[in-house]
Amino acid sequence: MISEEIIKKIRPGAKVKVYEGKSPFEGLVIARKHGSEAGGTFTVRTMLAGVGVEKVFPIHSPAIVKAEVVSSPKNVHRSKLYFVRNISGTNIRRKLKVSL
């Protein structure tokens, strides 16, 4: 389970590390849906072996052992960052002002 203070910090543009069992999944949060209610989720995107991979994590899932926010966004003006699917990492850093 994820603590309430971490749930508030997970927002679009944040870089998070989510532990599901043994291996962590680290990436950029591109979407947060349905707030903190029972069906709330957040989508994390990363590049693995040159291929973009996205995972959708339920906020209140017992399978999530731990979640930590590596870095938080400075100025993100959109709630859904789906445009990062089509641009390179350098342009993401410029546009969102985050380190990947």
N, C-alpha and C. Protein backbone atom coordinates (compact mmCIF):
# COMPACT_ATOMS: atom_id res chain seq x y z
N MET A 1 0.84 -1.19 0.00
CA MET A 1 0.00 0.00 0.00
C MET A 1 0.88 1.25 0.00
N ILE A 2 0.39 2.25 -0.66
CA ILE A 2 1.11 3.52 -0.76
C ILE A 2 0.56 4.47 0.30
N SER A 3 1.45 5.17 1.00
CA SER A 3 1.00 6.10 2.03
C SER A 3 0.33 7.33 1.40
N GLU A 4 -0.49 8.00 2.18
CA GLU A 4 -1.24 9.17 1.69
C GLU A 4 -0.32 10.30 1.25
N GLU A 5 0.78 10.51 1.95
CA GLU A 5 1.67 11.62 1.57
C GLU A 5 2.38 11.34 0.25
N ILE A 6 2.68 10.09 -0.05
CA ILE A 6 3.28 9.73 -1.34
C ILE A 6 2.25 9.84 -2.45
N ILE A 7 1.01 9.47 -2.18
CA ILE A 7 -0.06 9.58 -3.18
C ILE A 7 -0.24 11.02 -3.62
N LYS A 8 -0.12 11.96 -2.71
CA LYS A 8 -0.25 13.38 -3.06
C LYS A 8 0.91 13.86 -3.93
N LYS A 9 2.10 13.26 -3.77
CA LYS A 9 3.27 13.67 -4.54
C LYS A 9 3.31 13.05 -5.93
N ILE A 10 2.56 11.95 -6.13
CA ILE A 10 2.53 11.31 -7.44
C ILE A 10 1.60 12.11 -8.33
N ARG A 11 2.18 12.85 -9.28
CA ARG A 11 1.41 13.66 -10.21
C ARG A 11 2.13 13.68 -11.55
N PRO A 12 1.46 14.09 -12.61
CA PRO A 12 2.09 14.06 -13.92
C PRO A 12 3.39 14.87 -13.97
N GLY A 13 4.42 14.26 -14.54
CA GLY A 13 5.73 14.88 -14.62
C GLY A 13 6.68 14.41 -13.55
N ALA A 14 6.20 13.72 -12.54
CA ALA A 14 7.06 13.22 -11.46
C ALA A 14 7.75 11.93 -11.91
N LYS A 15 8.97 11.76 -11.47
CA LYS A 15 9.69 10.51 -11.73
C LYS A 15 9.54 9.64 -10.49
N VAL A 16 8.99 8.45 -10.66
CA VAL A 16 8.70 7.58 -9.52
C VAL A 16 9.36 6.21 -9.71
N LYS A 17 9.53 5.54 -8.58
CA LYS A 17 10.03 4.17 -8.56
C LYS A 17 8.99 3.35 -7.79
N VAL A 18 8.37 2.40 -8.48
CA VAL A 18 7.30 1.58 -7.90
C VAL A 18 7.82 0.16 -7.74
N TYR A 19 7.72 -0.37 -6.52
CA TYR A 19 8.17 -1.73 -6.23
C TYR A 19 6.96 -2.66 -6.20
N GLU A 20 6.92 -3.57 -7.17
CA GLU A 20 5.89 -4.59 -7.23
C GLU A 20 6.58 -5.92 -7.07
N GLY A 21 6.63 -6.43 -5.87
CA GLY A 21 7.41 -7.65 -5.63
C GLY A 21 8.88 -7.31 -5.48
N LYS A 22 9.74 -7.95 -6.28
CA LYS A 22 11.19 -7.78 -6.13
C LYS A 22 11.75 -6.64 -6.96
N SER A 23 11.32 -6.52 -8.22
CA SER A 23 11.96 -5.55 -9.11
C SER A 23 11.21 -4.23 -9.16
N PRO A 24 11.94 -3.11 -9.14
CA PRO A 24 11.27 -1.80 -9.23
C PRO A 24 11.01 -1.42 -10.69
N PHE A 25 10.01 -0.60 -10.89
CA PHE A 25 9.71 -0.04 -12.21
C PHE A 25 9.83 1.46 -12.06
N GLU A 26 10.83 2.05 -12.71
CA GLU A 26 11.10 3.48 -12.55
C GLU A 26 10.80 4.20 -13.85
N GLY A 27 10.07 5.31 -13.75
CA GLY A 27 9.75 6.06 -14.95
C GLY A 27 9.02 7.34 -14.65
N LEU A 28 8.50 7.96 -15.71
CA LEU A 28 7.82 9.25 -15.65
C LEU A 28 6.32 9.03 -15.55
N VAL A 29 5.67 9.71 -14.63
CA VAL A 29 4.21 9.62 -14.51
C VAL A 29 3.62 10.48 -15.62
N ILE A 30 2.84 9.85 -16.51
CA ILE A 30 2.25 10.61 -17.61
C ILE A 30 0.77 10.87 -17.41
N ALA A 31 0.12 10.16 -16.48
CA ALA A 31 -1.30 10.38 -16.24
C ALA A 31 -1.67 9.94 -14.84
N ARG A 32 -2.65 10.62 -14.30
CA ARG A 32 -3.24 10.27 -13.01
C ARG A 32 -4.74 10.34 -13.19
N LYS A 33 -5.44 9.25 -12.91
CA LYS A 33 -6.88 9.20 -13.17
C LYS A 33 -7.66 8.87 -11.92
N HIS A 34 -8.81 9.48 -11.79
CA HIS A 34 -9.81 9.22 -10.75
C HIS A 34 -9.34 9.56 -9.34
N GLY A 35 -8.40 10.48 -9.21
CA GLY A 35 -8.00 11.00 -7.90
C GLY A 35 -7.54 9.94 -6.93
N SER A 36 -8.01 10.05 -5.68
CA SER A 36 -7.61 9.10 -4.64
C SER A 36 -8.73 8.14 -4.28
N GLU A 37 -9.73 8.02 -5.13
CA GLU A 37 -10.84 7.12 -4.82
C GLU A 37 -10.42 5.67 -5.04
N ALA A 38 -11.34 4.77 -4.86
CA ALA A 38 -11.03 3.34 -4.90
C ALA A 38 -10.49 2.88 -6.24
N GLY A 39 -10.94 3.47 -7.34
CA GLY A 39 -10.49 3.06 -8.66
C GLY A 39 -9.39 3.92 -9.23
N GLY A 40 -8.71 4.72 -8.41
CA GLY A 40 -7.69 5.63 -8.89
C GLY A 40 -6.45 4.91 -9.41
N THR A 41 -5.88 5.43 -10.51
CA THR A 41 -4.69 4.83 -11.10
C THR A 41 -3.70 5.91 -11.50
N PHE A 42 -2.45 5.50 -11.74
CA PHE A 42 -1.47 6.38 -12.35
C PHE A 42 -0.67 5.56 -13.36
N THR A 43 -0.28 6.21 -14.46
CA THR A 43 0.42 5.56 -15.56
C THR A 43 1.87 6.01 -15.55
N VAL A 44 2.78 5.04 -15.60
CA VAL A 44 4.22 5.31 -15.58
C VAL A 44 4.81 4.82 -16.89
N ARG A 45 5.65 5.65 -17.52
CA ARG A 45 6.29 5.31 -18.79
C ARG A 45 7.80 5.35 -18.64
N THR A 46 8.47 4.37 -19.24
CA THR A 46 9.93 4.32 -19.25
C THR A 46 10.39 3.68 -20.56
N MET A 47 11.69 3.77 -20.82
CA MET A 47 12.28 3.14 -21.99
C MET A 47 13.09 1.94 -21.52
N LEU A 48 12.76 0.74 -22.03
CA LEU A 48 13.49 -0.48 -21.71
C LEU A 48 14.01 -1.08 -23.02
N ALA A 49 15.31 -1.18 -23.16
CA ALA A 49 15.96 -1.73 -24.35
C ALA A 49 15.52 -1.01 -25.61
N GLY A 50 15.35 0.30 -25.52
CA GLY A 50 14.99 1.10 -26.68
C GLY A 50 13.52 1.08 -27.04
N VAL A 51 12.69 0.46 -26.21
CA VAL A 51 11.26 0.36 -26.47
C VAL A 51 10.51 1.04 -25.34
N GLY A 52 9.53 1.87 -25.67
CA GLY A 52 8.72 2.53 -24.65
C GLY A 52 7.77 1.55 -24.00
N VAL A 53 7.77 1.53 -22.66
CA VAL A 53 6.91 0.62 -21.90
C VAL A 53 6.09 1.45 -20.92
N GLU A 54 4.80 1.19 -20.87
CA GLU A 54 3.91 1.87 -19.93
C GLU A 54 3.23 0.85 -19.04
N LYS A 55 3.08 1.20 -17.78
CA LYS A 55 2.34 0.37 -16.84
C LYS A 55 1.34 1.24 -16.11
N VAL A 56 0.17 0.70 -15.89
CA VAL A 56 -0.87 1.39 -15.14
C VAL A 56 -0.95 0.73 -13.77
N PHE A 57 -0.75 1.53 -12.71
CA PHE A 57 -0.76 1.02 -11.35
C PHE A 57 -1.99 1.54 -10.61
N PRO A 58 -2.77 0.66 -9.98
CA PRO A 58 -3.84 1.13 -9.10
C PRO A 58 -3.23 1.74 -7.83
N ILE A 59 -3.81 2.82 -7.37
CA ILE A 59 -3.25 3.50 -6.19
C ILE A 59 -3.38 2.66 -4.93
N HIS A 60 -4.51 1.99 -4.78
CA HIS A 60 -4.78 1.23 -3.55
C HIS A 60 -4.54 -0.27 -3.74
N SER A 61 -3.55 -0.65 -4.53
CA SER A 61 -3.26 -2.05 -4.79
C SER A 61 -2.39 -2.64 -3.67
N PRO A 62 -2.77 -3.80 -3.14
CA PRO A 62 -1.92 -4.44 -2.14
C PRO A 62 -0.66 -5.05 -2.76
N ALA A 63 -0.61 -5.19 -4.08
CA ALA A 63 0.56 -5.76 -4.75
C ALA A 63 1.74 -4.79 -4.76
N ILE A 64 1.47 -3.50 -4.62
CA ILE A 64 2.55 -2.50 -4.58
C ILE A 64 3.15 -2.49 -3.18
N VAL A 65 4.42 -2.90 -3.11
CA VAL A 65 5.10 -2.96 -1.82
C VAL A 65 5.49 -1.57 -1.35
N LYS A 66 6.08 -0.79 -2.28
CA LYS A 66 6.56 0.54 -1.92
C LYS A 66 6.58 1.40 -3.17
N ALA A 67 6.37 2.69 -2.99
CA ALA A 67 6.50 3.65 -4.08
C ALA A 67 7.24 4.86 -3.54
N GLU A 68 8.18 5.36 -4.32
CA GLU A 68 8.92 6.55 -3.89
C GLU A 68 9.03 7.52 -5.06
N VAL A 69 8.96 8.79 -4.74
CA VAL A 69 9.07 9.84 -5.75
C VAL A 69 10.54 10.24 -5.82
N VAL A 70 11.16 10.00 -6.98
CA VAL A 70 12.57 10.30 -7.18
C VAL A 70 12.76 11.80 -7.40
N SER A 71 11.95 12.38 -8.27
CA SER A 71 11.99 13.82 -8.50
C SER A 71 10.58 14.30 -8.83
N SER A 72 10.28 15.52 -8.44
CA SER A 72 8.96 16.07 -8.70
C SER A 72 9.05 17.16 -9.75
N PRO A 73 7.97 17.39 -10.48
CA PRO A 73 8.02 18.38 -11.57
C PRO A 73 8.04 19.80 -11.05
N LYS A 74 8.62 20.69 -11.85
CA LYS A 74 8.62 22.11 -11.49
C LYS A 74 7.41 22.80 -12.10
N ASN A 75 7.34 22.83 -13.42
CA ASN A 75 6.23 23.50 -14.10
C ASN A 75 5.65 22.57 -15.14
N VAL A 76 4.60 21.86 -14.80
CA VAL A 76 3.88 21.04 -15.76
C VAL A 76 2.47 21.60 -15.83
N HIS A 77 2.05 21.99 -17.03
CA HIS A 77 0.78 22.67 -17.19
C HIS A 77 -0.30 21.78 -17.77
N ARG A 78 -0.04 20.49 -17.88
CA ARG A 78 -1.03 19.56 -18.41
C ARG A 78 -1.26 18.44 -17.42
N SER A 79 -2.47 17.91 -17.43
CA SER A 79 -2.77 16.81 -16.52
C SER A 79 -2.47 15.45 -17.15
N LYS A 80 -2.46 15.38 -18.48
CA LYS A 80 -2.13 14.15 -19.18
C LYS A 80 -0.97 14.44 -20.12
N LEU A 81 0.12 13.71 -19.98
CA LEU A 81 1.33 13.96 -20.76
C LEU A 81 1.51 12.91 -21.85
N TYR A 82 0.45 12.61 -22.58
CA TYR A 82 0.53 11.59 -23.61
C TYR A 82 1.42 11.99 -24.77
N PHE A 83 1.71 13.27 -24.93
CA PHE A 83 2.56 13.72 -26.03
C PHE A 83 3.99 13.22 -25.90
N VAL A 84 4.43 12.77 -24.72
CA VAL A 84 5.80 12.30 -24.56
C VAL A 84 6.03 10.97 -25.27
N ARG A 85 4.97 10.31 -25.71
CA ARG A 85 5.12 9.07 -26.46
C ARG A 85 5.79 9.32 -27.81
N ASN A 86 5.64 10.51 -28.35
CA ASN A 86 6.10 10.80 -29.70
C ASN A 86 7.35 11.66 -29.77
N ILE A 87 7.93 12.07 -28.65
CA ILE A 87 9.12 12.92 -28.69
C ILE A 87 10.29 12.25 -27.98
N SER A 88 11.49 12.73 -28.24
CA SER A 88 12.70 12.12 -27.68
C SER A 88 12.90 12.56 -26.23
N GLY A 89 13.83 11.89 -25.56
CA GLY A 89 14.13 12.19 -24.16
C GLY A 89 14.66 13.59 -23.95
N THR A 90 15.47 14.07 -24.90
CA THR A 90 16.02 15.42 -24.80
C THR A 90 14.90 16.46 -24.85
N ASN A 91 13.96 16.28 -25.76
CA ASN A 91 12.85 17.21 -25.86
C ASN A 91 11.92 17.14 -24.66
N ILE A 92 11.78 15.96 -24.06
CA ILE A 92 10.97 15.83 -22.84
C ILE A 92 11.60 16.65 -21.72
N ARG A 93 12.92 16.54 -21.57
CA ARG A 93 13.60 17.29 -20.52
C ARG A 93 13.45 18.80 -20.73
N ARG A 94 13.56 19.24 -21.97
CA ARG A 94 13.39 20.67 -22.28
C ARG A 94 11.98 21.15 -21.98
N LYS A 95 11.01 20.38 -22.44
CA LYS A 95 9.63 20.80 -22.36
C LYS A 95 9.10 20.76 -20.92
N LEU A 96 9.44 19.70 -20.16
CA LEU A 96 8.92 19.54 -18.81
C LEU A 96 9.87 20.05 -17.74
N LYS A 97 11.11 20.33 -18.12
CA LYS A 97 12.14 20.78 -17.18
C LYS A 97 12.35 19.77 -16.03
N VAL A 98 12.43 18.48 -16.40
CA VAL A 98 12.70 17.43 -15.44
C VAL A 98 13.91 16.64 -15.93
N SER A 99 14.55 15.93 -15.02
CA SER A 99 15.67 15.08 -15.40
C SER A 99 15.16 13.64 -15.49
N LEU A 100 15.49 13.00 -16.59
CA LEU A 100 15.05 11.61 -16.79
C LEU A 100 16.16 10.65 -16.55
